[in-house]
Amino acid sequence: MRNTACTLVILLLSLSETAHSGKVLVLPGEYSHWHNMRVIVEELVDRNHNVTVLTHSASPTLKHGQKERFNFMSFQVDIDEEEAHGFSENLINLWMDQNITGFRKLAAIWDVMSGMLRYLEVVCDGMFKKDLVTLLKESHFDVLLYDPMMPCADLLADVLDLPFVLSLRITFAYTLERLCGQMPAPPSYVPAASTQGHLTDHMDFTERLENMLLYIIHTAMIKLQTMLSFDKQFTKIMGKPTTLCETMGKADIWLIRTYWDFEFPRPLLPNFKFVGGLHCKPAKPLPKEMEDFVQSSGDDGIVVFSLGFMIKNITKERANTIASALGQIPQKVLWRYTGEKPETLAPNTRVYDWIPQNDLLGHPKTKAFITHGGTNGIYEAIYHGVPMVGLPLFADQPDNVNHMKTKGAAVMLDFNKMNTEDLKQALNDVINNPSYKESIMRLSRIHHDQPMKPLDQAVYWIEYVMRHKGAKHLRVEAHNLTWYQYHCLDVAAFLLSVIALVVFIFVKTCKWLFRKCCRKTAAKSKKE
C-alpha cells in the first residue's frame, strides 16, 4: 500500500512538471553571443522544457551533429562556414588596422557591409523556405527566444505567430532600444557609445553637444542601414512594406545583458529586464599543471590576460611590447594568446591557447585582469571582484571599459599607442592602489545583492511569456504612435494655434475698441 502511494505521488509530480513544461524555439547569435544564450538554453532544459535550437549550415559557432541535451535544427544556406566567419573577421581586422584611413577606410567598410548584406539575404532566404516554416508551425512552439545577431528571427516569430523574447547587449546610443523598443534615452544624461569611450552620465555643455550629435549620427546610420538591408529583405519576404523596428518592436520581453553594477542610472520600460552576468558562476578547480603555476606565484599572486577568442593574432611589435611589460611585474601571468611566441616573453609569463577564464578570475591569488572589454569578461571580473586593465579594440569595448573606468574599477589604455611603461604602470596601479579593489568589490556586492539571480530572472520571464501567451500588457502604447504623436507635436501645434487665435482675437478686439473710442472722441470734439 505504501509503495503504491509513493508511486502515485511520483507520478503526480512528474505530471505536474510535464504540465508546466513548454516548447521553446531558440535562434542564437554567434561566438560569445551563443555563450550567453547557451546558459539560458541549458537552464531551460534543466527545468524540463523542450528546447530546439535553430541555426544555419554556415554557422561558425554551432555544429550540427554534436551531442547536445537540446534538439538541434539546421537549414541550408548558399554560403559556407569560412565565408560567414570571414565577414566578422574582416570587420574586426578593418577596425583594428591603423594604416587604413579616410576614403580608403570608408571604401573598405562599404565592401565589408556589402558582403554582410549578402549574408543577411541568404540566411533570411534559407529561413523562410516553405518546408521549414511548415515544419516549425507543426511543432507548435510556445515561445521564440533569439539574439538580434541572427537576422530575420523576429520576422520568423511574426510569421509563426509566436510571442518572442530578445536577448541582447545594449546597442550603440541605445539605438535599437530607442527606435524599436521605445525605451526613453534622454541625451542630456544617457551617454551614447563612442569610439573613444569617454562619455558618462555627468556631462558638461560640450559633452552634451557631442552626445546629441552622436545620437543623431547613430540614428541616421541605423535608419539608413535598416532601410537598405533589413527593411528591403523583410518587405520581400512578407510581400508588403515591413520594417525591422516594426517587427522587433513586437517583442514581449527584452532581456538586457547588463545590470546597475555596469550601467549608469536611466529610465526603463516594464518589458525591459536586466540579466547581466547570467553566465557567471563560482570558480571550479584549475587543471593541476595550471594550479601549480598559480601557486608558485606566492604572495604576489597572478594576472589573467585575454583579448577574447575573436582576436587570433596581434602584430609582432605589439606582442613584444606587451610581453616586455608583463616581464617587469612580480606577479605570474597567464596569457591567452595563439600568435607567434614574443621574443621578450619572460619566465613569469605563460602563454595558453585557451584558459578557464572564469575559474582563474575566481581564484584567490588573482590580482588583476587584462581584458579587451567584452561584456562577458567584464561581468566575470565583477562577479569575482577583480580590478581590470582595459585594452579595448573595437565595437562596444571602449564604451564597456569606460563604464568600469568611471566606476573606479579599471584603467583604460589605447592598445595601439601604449608602450611598455604604460602597461606596467597600469598593472601596478590596479594591483597596488587599494581604491581599484574597493571599487570592484562594491560593484561585486551590487551584482550579488539581487532578489533573483540573473539566470533565474531570464528563465522566469521566458516562462512568464509562455504562461501568459505573451506579455503585451507590459508593452508601452508608444509603439502605436507616430513620431509626432509620441513627441506631442500635434498637441503643441493645436495649443499654439489656440494661443495664436486668442492673441489674434484679443488684438483685433483691442484695435476695434480703440478705433471705436477714437471715433467717439473725434465726434465729441467735432460737436464742441
Protein backbone atom coordinates (compact mmCIF):
# COMPACT_ATOMS: atom_id res chain seq x y z
CA MET A 1 0.00 0.00 0.00
CA ARG A 2 2.86 2.35 0.94
CA ASN A 3 4.70 1.54 -2.34
CA THR A 4 1.52 2.27 -4.31
CA ALA A 5 1.11 5.64 -2.57
CA CYS A 6 4.76 6.57 -3.27
CA THR A 7 4.36 5.60 -6.92
CA LEU A 8 1.20 7.72 -7.18
CA VAL A 9 2.96 10.76 -5.64
CA ILE A 10 5.93 10.41 -8.03
CA LEU A 11 3.53 10.08 -10.98
CA LEU A 12 1.60 13.19 -9.94
CA LEU A 13 4.82 15.17 -9.51
CA SER A 14 6.08 14.11 -12.94
CA LEU A 15 2.71 15.02 -14.49
CA SER A 16 2.92 18.42 -12.77
CA GLU A 17 6.39 19.00 -14.27
CA THR A 18 5.16 17.97 -17.71
CA ALA A 19 2.17 20.30 -17.42
CA HIS A 20 4.43 23.26 -16.70
CA SER A 21 6.99 22.46 -19.38
CA GLY A 22 6.89 24.26 -22.70
CA LYS A 23 8.35 24.15 -26.19
CA VAL A 24 10.99 26.82 -26.84
CA LEU A 25 12.42 27.72 -30.24
CA VAL A 26 15.86 29.37 -29.98
CA LEU A 27 17.67 31.31 -32.72
CA PRO A 28 21.10 32.15 -31.27
CA GLY A 29 23.83 34.60 -32.20
CA GLU A 30 27.41 33.59 -32.92
CA TYR A 31 30.62 33.49 -30.85
CA SER A 32 30.27 35.00 -27.33
CA HIS A 33 26.57 35.72 -28.01
CA TRP A 34 25.96 31.95 -28.12
CA HIS A 35 27.94 31.53 -24.89
CA ASN A 36 25.36 33.72 -23.13
CA MET A 37 22.36 32.12 -24.74
CA ARG A 38 23.60 28.57 -24.20
CA VAL A 39 23.49 29.12 -20.44
CA ILE A 40 19.79 30.03 -20.75
CA VAL A 41 19.15 27.02 -23.01
CA GLU A 42 20.80 24.63 -20.54
CA GLU A 43 18.74 26.05 -17.68
CA LEU A 44 15.52 25.70 -19.67
CA VAL A 45 16.39 22.05 -20.35
CA ASP A 46 17.10 21.54 -16.62
CA ARG A 47 13.60 22.86 -15.92
CA ASN A 48 12.05 20.23 -18.14
CA HIS A 49 11.37 22.45 -21.17
CA ASN A 50 11.68 21.08 -24.68
CA VAL A 51 14.23 23.32 -26.42
CA THR A 52 15.00 23.40 -30.15
CA VAL A 53 17.96 25.45 -31.36
CA LEU A 54 17.65 26.56 -34.98
CA THR A 55 20.67 27.81 -36.92
CA HIS A 56 22.02 27.71 -40.48
CA SER A 57 24.53 25.41 -42.16
CA ALA A 58 27.24 28.11 -42.35
CA SER A 59 27.24 28.88 -38.61
CA PRO A 60 30.88 29.19 -37.44
CA THR A 61 29.83 28.52 -33.82
CA LEU A 62 27.15 25.79 -33.75
CA LYS A 63 28.00 22.50 -35.42
CA HIS A 64 25.27 20.10 -36.44
CA GLY A 65 25.91 16.56 -35.24
CA GLN A 66 27.31 17.46 -31.82
CA LYS A 67 25.72 15.57 -28.92
CA GLU A 68 23.57 18.07 -27.05
CA ARG A 69 20.83 17.96 -24.43
CA PHE A 70 18.61 20.11 -26.65
CA ASN A 71 17.16 19.47 -30.09
CA PHE A 72 19.14 20.85 -32.99
CA MET A 73 17.83 22.01 -36.36
CA SER A 74 19.84 23.49 -39.21
CA PHE A 75 18.68 24.96 -42.51
CA GLN A 76 20.79 25.17 -45.66
CA VAL A 77 22.19 28.49 -46.93
CA ASP A 78 24.15 29.30 -50.07
CA ILE A 79 27.38 30.26 -48.30
CA ASP A 80 29.92 28.19 -46.39
CA GLU A 81 31.21 28.50 -42.83
CA GLU A 82 34.50 30.10 -43.89
CA GLU A 83 32.70 32.85 -45.79
CA ALA A 84 30.30 33.51 -42.89
CA HIS A 85 33.19 33.74 -40.41
CA GLY A 86 35.10 35.95 -42.82
CA PHE A 87 32.55 38.79 -42.55
CA SER A 88 33.17 39.21 -38.81
CA GLU A 89 36.91 38.68 -39.14
CA ASN A 90 37.24 41.25 -41.94
CA LEU A 91 35.27 43.82 -39.94
CA ILE A 92 37.48 43.30 -36.87
CA ASN A 93 40.71 43.49 -38.90
CA LEU A 94 39.47 46.63 -40.62
CA TRP A 95 38.53 48.21 -37.30
CA MET A 96 41.97 47.47 -35.82
CA ASP A 97 44.02 48.44 -38.89
CA GLN A 98 45.57 51.84 -38.16
CA ASN A 99 47.17 52.10 -41.62
CA ILE A 100 43.85 52.47 -43.48
CA THR A 101 42.29 55.90 -43.06
CA GLY A 102 39.97 58.36 -44.78
CA PHE A 103 38.26 57.37 -48.01
CA ARG A 104 40.17 54.08 -48.21
CA LYS A 105 38.67 53.03 -44.88
CA LEU A 106 35.17 54.12 -45.94
CA ALA A 107 35.51 52.12 -49.17
CA ALA A 108 36.75 49.07 -47.25
CA ILE A 109 33.87 49.34 -44.76
CA TRP A 110 31.42 49.59 -47.67
CA ASP A 111 32.86 46.36 -49.18
CA VAL A 112 32.53 44.53 -45.85
CA MET A 113 28.97 45.81 -45.35
CA SER A 114 28.06 44.69 -48.89
CA GLY A 115 29.31 41.21 -48.02
CA MET A 116 27.29 41.22 -44.78
CA LEU A 117 24.22 42.30 -46.76
CA ARG A 118 24.62 39.19 -48.91
CA TYR A 119 24.95 37.11 -45.72
CA LEU A 120 21.70 38.64 -44.44
CA GLU A 121 19.88 37.82 -47.66
CA VAL A 122 20.97 34.19 -47.90
CA VAL A 123 20.23 33.47 -44.22
CA CYS A 124 16.76 35.03 -44.44
CA ASP A 125 16.00 33.23 -47.71
CA GLY A 126 17.03 29.90 -46.15
CA MET A 127 15.00 30.56 -43.01
CA PHE A 128 11.76 31.17 -44.91
CA LYS A 129 11.77 28.15 -47.18
CA LYS A 130 8.24 26.74 -47.25
CA ASP A 131 9.15 23.28 -45.90
CA LEU A 132 10.99 24.70 -42.87
CA VAL A 133 8.22 27.18 -41.99
CA THR A 134 5.61 24.40 -42.28
CA LEU A 135 7.69 22.11 -40.03
CA LEU A 136 8.09 24.85 -37.42
CA LYS A 137 4.36 25.64 -37.47
CA GLU A 138 3.53 21.96 -36.96
CA SER A 139 5.90 21.83 -33.96
CA HIS A 140 3.57 24.18 -32.01
CA PHE A 141 6.21 26.11 -30.06
CA ASP A 142 5.17 28.27 -27.11
CA VAL A 143 7.80 30.99 -27.38
CA LEU A 144 10.74 32.08 -29.53
CA LEU A 145 13.99 33.26 -27.92
CA TYR A 146 16.54 34.96 -30.14
CA ASP A 147 19.63 37.14 -30.39
CA PRO A 148 19.34 40.04 -32.89
CA MET A 149 22.66 38.85 -34.32
CA MET A 150 20.56 36.17 -36.08
CA PRO A 151 18.89 38.03 -38.98
CA CYS A 152 15.14 37.75 -39.59
CA ALA A 153 14.48 35.88 -36.32
CA ASP A 154 11.88 38.43 -35.21
CA LEU A 155 10.20 38.16 -38.60
CA LEU A 156 10.04 34.38 -38.18
CA ALA A 157 8.28 34.86 -34.83
CA ASP A 158 5.76 37.09 -36.61
CA VAL A 159 5.18 34.51 -39.36
CA LEU A 160 4.81 31.67 -36.80
CA ASP A 161 2.54 33.90 -34.66
CA LEU A 162 4.70 33.27 -31.59
CA PRO A 163 5.39 35.55 -28.63
CA PHE A 164 9.12 36.23 -28.54
CA VAL A 165 11.91 37.30 -26.22
CA LEU A 166 15.09 39.13 -27.22
CA SER A 167 18.46 38.61 -25.57
CA LEU A 168 20.93 41.41 -26.30
CA ARG A 169 23.64 43.73 -25.02
CA ILE A 170 22.64 47.42 -25.12
CA THR A 171 23.47 48.76 -28.60
CA PHE A 172 25.32 51.94 -29.59
CA ALA A 173 23.48 55.00 -28.24
CA TYR A 174 20.68 52.61 -27.26
CA THR A 175 19.66 52.85 -30.93
CA LEU A 176 17.62 49.66 -31.40
CA GLU A 177 16.17 50.05 -27.93
CA ARG A 178 15.17 53.67 -28.64
CA LEU A 179 13.93 53.27 -32.20
CA CYS A 180 12.42 49.78 -31.99
CA GLY A 181 11.78 49.22 -28.29
CA GLN A 182 10.63 52.78 -27.48
CA MET A 183 12.96 52.93 -24.49
CA PRO A 184 13.48 56.54 -23.32
CA ALA A 185 17.08 57.76 -23.67
CA PRO A 186 17.43 61.47 -22.79
CA PRO A 187 20.73 62.61 -24.37
CA SER A 188 21.21 65.08 -21.50
CA TYR A 189 22.34 62.29 -19.17
CA VAL A 190 22.24 58.94 -21.06
CA PRO A 191 25.62 58.77 -22.85
CA ALA A 192 25.97 57.38 -26.34
CA ALA A 193 28.73 54.90 -27.10
CA SER A 194 31.72 56.45 -28.87
CA THR A 195 34.95 55.12 -30.32
CA GLN A 196 36.88 56.95 -27.58
CA GLY A 197 34.56 55.64 -24.87
CA HIS A 198 34.77 58.75 -22.67
CA LEU A 199 31.20 59.98 -22.09
CA THR A 200 29.46 59.38 -18.76
CA ASP A 201 26.13 60.40 -17.23
CA HIS A 202 27.84 63.56 -15.88
CA MET A 203 28.32 65.79 -18.94
CA ASP A 204 29.15 69.46 -19.33
CA PHE A 205 27.79 71.54 -22.22
CA THR A 206 30.36 70.45 -24.82
CA GLU A 207 29.92 66.79 -23.88
CA ARG A 208 26.14 67.08 -24.11
CA LEU A 209 26.58 68.70 -27.52
CA GLU A 210 28.83 65.80 -28.58
CA ASN A 211 26.35 63.32 -27.14
CA MET A 212 23.46 64.86 -29.06
CA LEU A 213 25.46 64.75 -32.30
CA LEU A 214 26.35 61.09 -31.66
CA TYR A 215 22.67 60.27 -31.12
CA ILE A 216 21.81 61.95 -34.42
CA ILE A 217 24.65 60.18 -36.28
CA HIS A 218 23.87 56.74 -34.82
CA THR A 219 20.16 57.16 -35.51
CA ALA A 220 20.79 58.23 -39.11
CA MET A 221 23.24 55.34 -39.68
CA ILE A 222 20.89 52.70 -38.26
CA LYS A 223 17.89 54.05 -40.15
CA LEU A 224 19.86 54.12 -43.42
CA GLN A 225 21.33 50.66 -42.85
CA THR A 226 17.99 49.07 -41.95
CA MET A 227 16.23 50.80 -44.85
CA LEU A 228 18.79 49.48 -47.36
CA SER A 229 19.08 45.99 -45.88
CA PHE A 230 16.62 44.63 -43.31
CA ASP A 231 13.55 46.62 -44.36
CA LYS A 232 14.13 45.68 -48.00
CA GLN A 233 14.52 41.99 -47.15
CA PHE A 234 11.57 41.95 -44.72
CA THR A 235 9.32 43.56 -47.33
CA LYS A 236 10.39 40.99 -49.94
CA ILE A 237 9.64 38.07 -47.61
CA MET A 238 6.31 39.39 -46.33
CA GLY A 239 5.09 40.77 -49.67
CA LYS A 240 4.09 44.07 -48.05
CA PRO A 241 6.00 47.04 -46.56
CA THR A 242 7.63 45.74 -43.36
CA THR A 243 10.43 47.25 -41.28
CA LEU A 244 12.93 45.89 -38.77
CA CYS A 245 11.66 48.18 -36.00
CA GLU A 246 8.06 47.21 -36.68
CA THR A 247 8.81 43.51 -36.13
CA MET A 248 11.41 43.90 -33.37
CA GLY A 249 9.06 46.28 -31.54
CA LYS A 250 6.56 43.43 -31.14
CA ALA A 251 8.91 41.68 -28.68
CA ASP A 252 7.22 40.73 -25.43
CA ILE A 253 10.35 40.89 -23.26
CA TRP A 254 13.81 42.42 -23.85
CA LEU A 255 16.49 40.61 -21.81
CA ILE A 256 19.33 43.13 -21.48
CA ARG A 257 22.70 41.54 -20.67
CA THR A 258 23.81 44.27 -18.21
CA TYR A 259 22.77 45.49 -14.75
CA TRP A 260 23.15 48.53 -12.49
CA ASP A 261 26.62 47.36 -11.48
CA PHE A 262 27.59 48.23 -15.07
CA GLU A 263 25.00 50.72 -16.36
CA PHE A 264 24.57 54.38 -15.46
CA PRO A 265 21.10 55.05 -13.94
CA ARG A 266 18.50 55.66 -16.66
CA PRO A 267 14.75 55.17 -17.34
CA LEU A 268 13.47 51.72 -18.27
CA LEU A 269 10.23 50.20 -19.60
CA PRO A 270 8.24 47.38 -17.93
CA ASN A 271 9.25 44.79 -20.55
CA PHE A 272 12.99 45.53 -20.30
CA LYS A 273 14.70 43.20 -17.83
CA PHE A 274 18.36 43.38 -16.77
CA VAL A 275 20.08 39.97 -16.64
CA GLY A 276 23.75 40.97 -16.79
CA GLY A 277 26.20 38.28 -15.68
CA LEU A 278 23.76 35.39 -16.14
CA HIS A 279 26.68 33.21 -17.34
CA CYS A 280 28.80 33.83 -14.23
CA LYS A 281 29.28 31.06 -11.68
CA PRO A 282 31.58 30.07 -8.80
CA ALA A 283 35.10 29.05 -9.78
CA LYS A 284 35.99 25.39 -10.25
CA PRO A 285 39.42 23.85 -9.51
CA LEU A 286 42.09 24.51 -12.13
CA PRO A 287 43.93 21.80 -14.07
CA LYS A 288 46.89 20.53 -11.99
CA GLU A 289 49.66 21.99 -14.18
CA MET A 290 47.94 25.40 -14.19
CA GLU A 291 47.25 25.27 -10.44
CA ASP A 292 50.94 24.51 -9.75
CA PHE A 293 51.98 27.55 -11.79
CA VAL A 294 49.44 29.74 -9.98
CA GLN A 295 50.60 28.52 -6.56
CA SER A 296 54.23 29.22 -7.48
CA SER A 297 53.36 32.95 -7.54
CA GLY A 298 53.43 33.10 -3.74
CA ASP A 299 52.07 36.26 -2.12
CA ASP A 300 52.46 38.30 -5.33
CA GLY A 301 49.60 36.41 -6.99
CA ILE A 302 48.71 36.23 -10.67
CA VAL A 303 47.43 38.36 -13.55
CA VAL A 304 44.95 36.92 -16.06
CA PHE A 305 45.22 38.22 -19.64
CA SER A 306 42.80 37.60 -22.51
CA LEU A 307 41.74 39.58 -25.58
CA GLY A 308 38.90 37.15 -26.35
CA PHE A 309 38.81 34.30 -28.83
CA MET A 310 37.96 36.53 -31.82
CA ILE A 311 41.46 38.06 -31.73
CA LYS A 312 43.64 35.26 -33.06
CA ASN A 313 46.80 37.28 -33.54
CA ILE A 314 48.36 40.70 -32.99
CA THR A 315 51.37 42.34 -34.61
CA LYS A 316 54.83 41.18 -33.56
CA GLU A 317 55.64 44.67 -32.29
CA ARG A 318 52.53 44.81 -30.06
CA ALA A 319 53.16 41.31 -28.72
CA ASN A 320 56.74 42.21 -27.76
CA THR A 321 55.61 45.46 -26.10
CA ILE A 322 53.05 43.56 -24.02
CA ALA A 323 55.40 40.67 -23.14
CA SER A 324 58.11 43.11 -22.07
CA ALA A 325 55.70 44.91 -19.70
CA LEU A 326 54.43 41.64 -18.23
CA GLY A 327 58.00 40.54 -17.57
CA GLN A 328 58.60 43.57 -15.34
CA ILE A 329 55.90 42.86 -12.74
CA PRO A 330 56.34 40.49 -9.76
CA GLN A 331 53.12 38.58 -10.47
CA LYS A 332 52.88 35.43 -12.58
CA VAL A 333 50.86 35.95 -15.77
CA LEU A 334 48.56 33.54 -17.62
CA TRP A 335 48.09 34.89 -21.16
CA ARG A 336 45.62 33.52 -23.65
CA TYR A 337 47.43 34.04 -26.96
CA THR A 338 47.59 31.96 -30.15
CA GLY A 339 50.13 34.02 -32.12
CA GLU A 340 53.86 33.63 -32.55
CA LYS A 341 55.74 33.49 -29.25
CA PRO A 342 57.04 37.01 -28.42
CA GLU A 343 60.82 37.41 -28.25
CA THR A 344 60.52 39.38 -24.99
CA LEU A 345 58.43 36.73 -23.20
CA ALA A 346 59.69 36.46 -19.61
CA PRO A 347 59.77 33.38 -17.31
CA ASN A 348 56.89 34.78 -15.20
CA THR A 349 54.51 34.64 -18.20
CA ARG A 350 52.92 31.54 -19.69
CA VAL A 351 51.03 31.55 -22.97
CA TYR A 352 47.97 29.31 -23.48
CA ASP A 353 45.73 28.61 -26.48
CA TRP A 354 42.82 28.53 -24.04
CA ILE A 355 42.34 29.36 -20.37
CA PRO A 356 39.44 28.67 -17.96
CA GLN A 357 38.86 32.41 -17.56
CA ASN A 358 36.01 32.29 -15.04
CA ASP A 359 37.88 29.81 -12.83
CA LEU A 360 41.06 31.88 -12.94
CA LEU A 361 39.24 35.11 -12.11
CA GLY A 362 37.63 33.33 -9.16
CA HIS A 363 41.00 32.08 -7.84
CA PRO A 364 42.08 33.75 -4.56
CA LYS A 365 45.53 34.54 -5.99
CA THR A 366 44.22 36.61 -8.92
CA LYS A 367 45.17 40.28 -8.54
CA ALA A 368 44.21 41.82 -11.91
CA PHE A 369 42.57 41.07 -15.24
CA ILE A 370 43.83 42.47 -18.56
CA THR A 371 40.84 42.47 -20.90
CA HIS A 372 39.70 43.76 -24.30
CA GLY A 373 36.44 44.86 -22.68
CA GLY A 374 33.98 42.20 -23.83
CA THR A 375 30.80 42.18 -21.73
CA ASN A 376 31.22 38.53 -20.72
CA GLY A 377 34.74 39.02 -19.37
CA ILE A 378 33.85 42.24 -17.57
CA TYR A 379 30.95 40.53 -15.83
CA GLU A 380 33.13 37.63 -14.72
CA ALA A 381 35.55 40.19 -13.23
CA ILE A 382 32.67 41.98 -11.47
CA TYR A 383 31.26 38.67 -10.19
CA HIS A 384 34.63 37.65 -8.67
CA GLY A 385 35.76 41.17 -7.69
CA VAL A 386 38.90 41.53 -9.85
CA PRO A 387 40.09 45.01 -10.93
CA MET A 388 40.88 45.47 -14.62
CA VAL A 389 43.26 46.96 -17.15
CA GLY A 390 41.19 47.55 -20.29
CA LEU A 391 42.69 47.38 -23.79
CA PRO A 392 39.53 47.96 -25.89
CA LEU A 393 39.83 47.05 -29.57
CA PHE A 394 36.52 47.58 -31.40
CA ALA A 395 32.70 47.79 -31.30
CA ASP A 396 31.26 48.42 -27.80
CA GLN A 397 34.53 47.59 -26.00
CA PRO A 398 35.73 51.21 -25.45
CA ASP A 399 32.32 52.06 -24.01
CA ASN A 400 32.35 48.96 -21.76
CA VAL A 401 35.80 49.73 -20.35
CA ASN A 402 34.86 53.40 -19.90
CA HIS A 403 31.96 52.31 -17.66
CA MET A 404 34.40 50.39 -15.46
CA LYS A 405 36.93 53.24 -15.50
CA THR A 406 34.24 55.76 -14.48
CA LYS A 407 33.18 53.50 -11.62
CA GLY A 408 36.81 53.31 -10.41
CA ALA A 409 37.33 49.62 -11.18
CA ALA A 410 39.65 49.81 -14.21
CA VAL A 411 42.42 51.65 -16.03
CA MET A 412 41.92 52.13 -19.78
CA LEU A 413 44.79 52.16 -22.28
CA ASP A 414 44.95 52.66 -26.04
CA PHE A 415 46.01 49.26 -27.40
CA ASN A 416 47.75 50.70 -30.48
CA LYS A 417 49.52 53.60 -28.74
CA MET A 418 50.54 52.22 -25.33
CA ASN A 419 54.18 51.44 -24.62
CA THR A 420 55.77 49.01 -22.18
CA GLU A 421 55.88 51.54 -19.36
CA ASP A 422 52.17 52.42 -19.79
CA LEU A 423 51.03 48.81 -19.36
CA LYS A 424 53.43 48.17 -16.48
CA GLN A 425 52.22 51.33 -14.67
CA ALA A 426 48.56 50.46 -15.24
CA LEU A 427 49.05 46.98 -13.75
CA ASN A 428 50.94 48.39 -10.76
CA ASP A 429 48.12 50.89 -10.19
CA VAL A 430 45.23 48.42 -10.20
CA ILE A 431 47.16 45.88 -8.10
CA ASN A 432 48.75 48.19 -5.52
CA ASN A 433 46.24 51.06 -5.28
CA PRO A 434 43.51 49.77 -2.92
CA SER A 435 40.85 52.06 -4.43
CA TYR A 436 40.53 49.83 -7.52
CA LYS A 437 39.95 46.71 -5.44
CA GLU A 438 37.48 48.57 -3.20
CA SER A 439 35.55 49.83 -6.26
CA ILE A 440 35.30 46.44 -7.95
CA MET A 441 34.24 44.81 -4.67
CA ARG A 442 31.50 47.44 -4.32
CA LEU A 443 30.27 46.57 -7.83
CA SER A 444 30.51 42.87 -6.98
CA ARG A 445 28.32 43.37 -3.89
CA ILE A 446 25.76 45.26 -6.01
CA HIS A 447 25.79 42.42 -8.54
CA HIS A 448 25.24 39.72 -5.93
CA ASP A 449 22.64 41.70 -3.96
CA GLN A 450 19.63 40.97 -6.19
CA PRO A 451 16.27 39.42 -5.26
CA MET A 452 16.75 36.85 -8.01
CA LYS A 453 19.87 35.57 -9.77
CA PRO A 454 20.24 36.92 -13.34
CA LEU A 455 19.89 33.46 -14.91
CA ASP A 456 16.79 32.69 -12.83
CA GLN A 457 15.29 36.02 -13.85
CA ALA A 458 15.98 35.39 -17.56
CA VAL A 459 14.29 31.97 -17.39
CA TYR A 460 11.44 33.35 -15.25
CA TRP A 461 10.49 35.91 -17.89
CA ILE A 462 10.67 33.36 -20.71
CA GLU A 463 8.36 31.08 -18.69
CA TYR A 464 6.18 34.11 -17.90
CA VAL A 465 5.68 34.74 -21.63
CA MET A 466 4.80 31.05 -22.12
CA ARG A 467 2.31 31.07 -19.24
CA HIS A 468 0.50 34.20 -20.42
CA LYS A 469 0.81 33.57 -24.18
CA GLY A 470 2.84 36.76 -24.45
CA ALA A 471 3.35 39.90 -22.36
CA LYS A 472 1.70 42.61 -24.43
CA HIS A 473 0.33 44.17 -21.23
CA LEU A 474 3.93 45.26 -20.47
CA ARG A 475 4.40 46.83 -23.91
CA VAL A 476 4.00 50.62 -23.97
CA GLU A 477 1.45 52.31 -26.23
CA ALA A 478 4.29 54.35 -27.77
CA HIS A 479 4.67 51.55 -30.35
CA ASN A 480 1.31 52.54 -31.85
CA LEU A 481 2.01 56.28 -32.02
CA THR A 482 3.51 58.22 -34.90
CA TRP A 483 6.67 60.22 -34.24
CA TYR A 484 4.75 63.49 -33.98
CA GLN A 485 2.16 61.94 -31.63
CA TYR A 486 4.94 60.47 -29.46
CA HIS A 487 6.52 63.92 -29.02
CA CYS A 488 3.05 65.56 -28.72
CA LEU A 489 3.88 67.84 -31.64
CA ASP A 490 0.23 67.71 -32.79
CA VAL A 491 -0.88 68.77 -29.29
CA ALA A 492 1.77 71.51 -29.23
CA ALA A 493 0.64 72.70 -32.67
CA PHE A 494 -3.01 72.75 -31.51
CA LEU A 495 -2.20 74.66 -28.31
CA LEU A 496 -0.05 77.15 -30.22
CA SER A 497 -2.89 77.58 -32.71
CA VAL A 498 -5.36 78.23 -29.87
CA ILE A 499 -2.95 80.70 -28.24
CA ALA A 500 -2.37 82.38 -31.61
CA LEU A 501 -6.14 82.57 -32.20
CA VAL A 502 -6.77 84.03 -28.71
CA VAL A 503 -3.98 86.58 -29.22
CA PHE A 504 -5.34 87.40 -32.69
CA ILE A 505 -8.90 87.90 -31.33
CA PHE A 506 -7.56 89.92 -28.38
CA VAL A 507 -5.52 92.19 -30.67
CA LYS A 508 -8.41 92.61 -33.11
CA THR A 509 -10.80 93.38 -30.22
CA CYS A 510 -8.37 95.91 -28.78
CA LYS A 511 -7.99 97.53 -32.19
CA TRP A 512 -11.78 97.64 -32.65
CA LEU A 513 -12.33 99.13 -29.21
CA PHE A 514 -9.52 101.61 -29.79
CA ARG A 515 -10.97 102.69 -33.14
CA LYS A 516 -14.46 102.96 -31.58
CA CYS A 517 -13.16 105.10 -28.75
CA CYS A 518 -11.23 107.27 -31.19
CA ARG A 519 -14.37 107.77 -33.31
CA LYS A 520 -16.42 108.77 -30.24
CA THR A 521 -13.71 111.16 -29.14
CA ALA A 522 -13.45 112.64 -32.63
CA ALA A 523 -17.26 113.03 -32.87
CA LYS A 524 -17.38 114.70 -29.48
CA SER A 525 -14.61 117.09 -30.44
CA LYS A 526 -16.48 117.98 -33.66
CA LYS A 527 -19.68 118.79 -31.75
CA GLU A 528 -17.80 121.02 -29.40
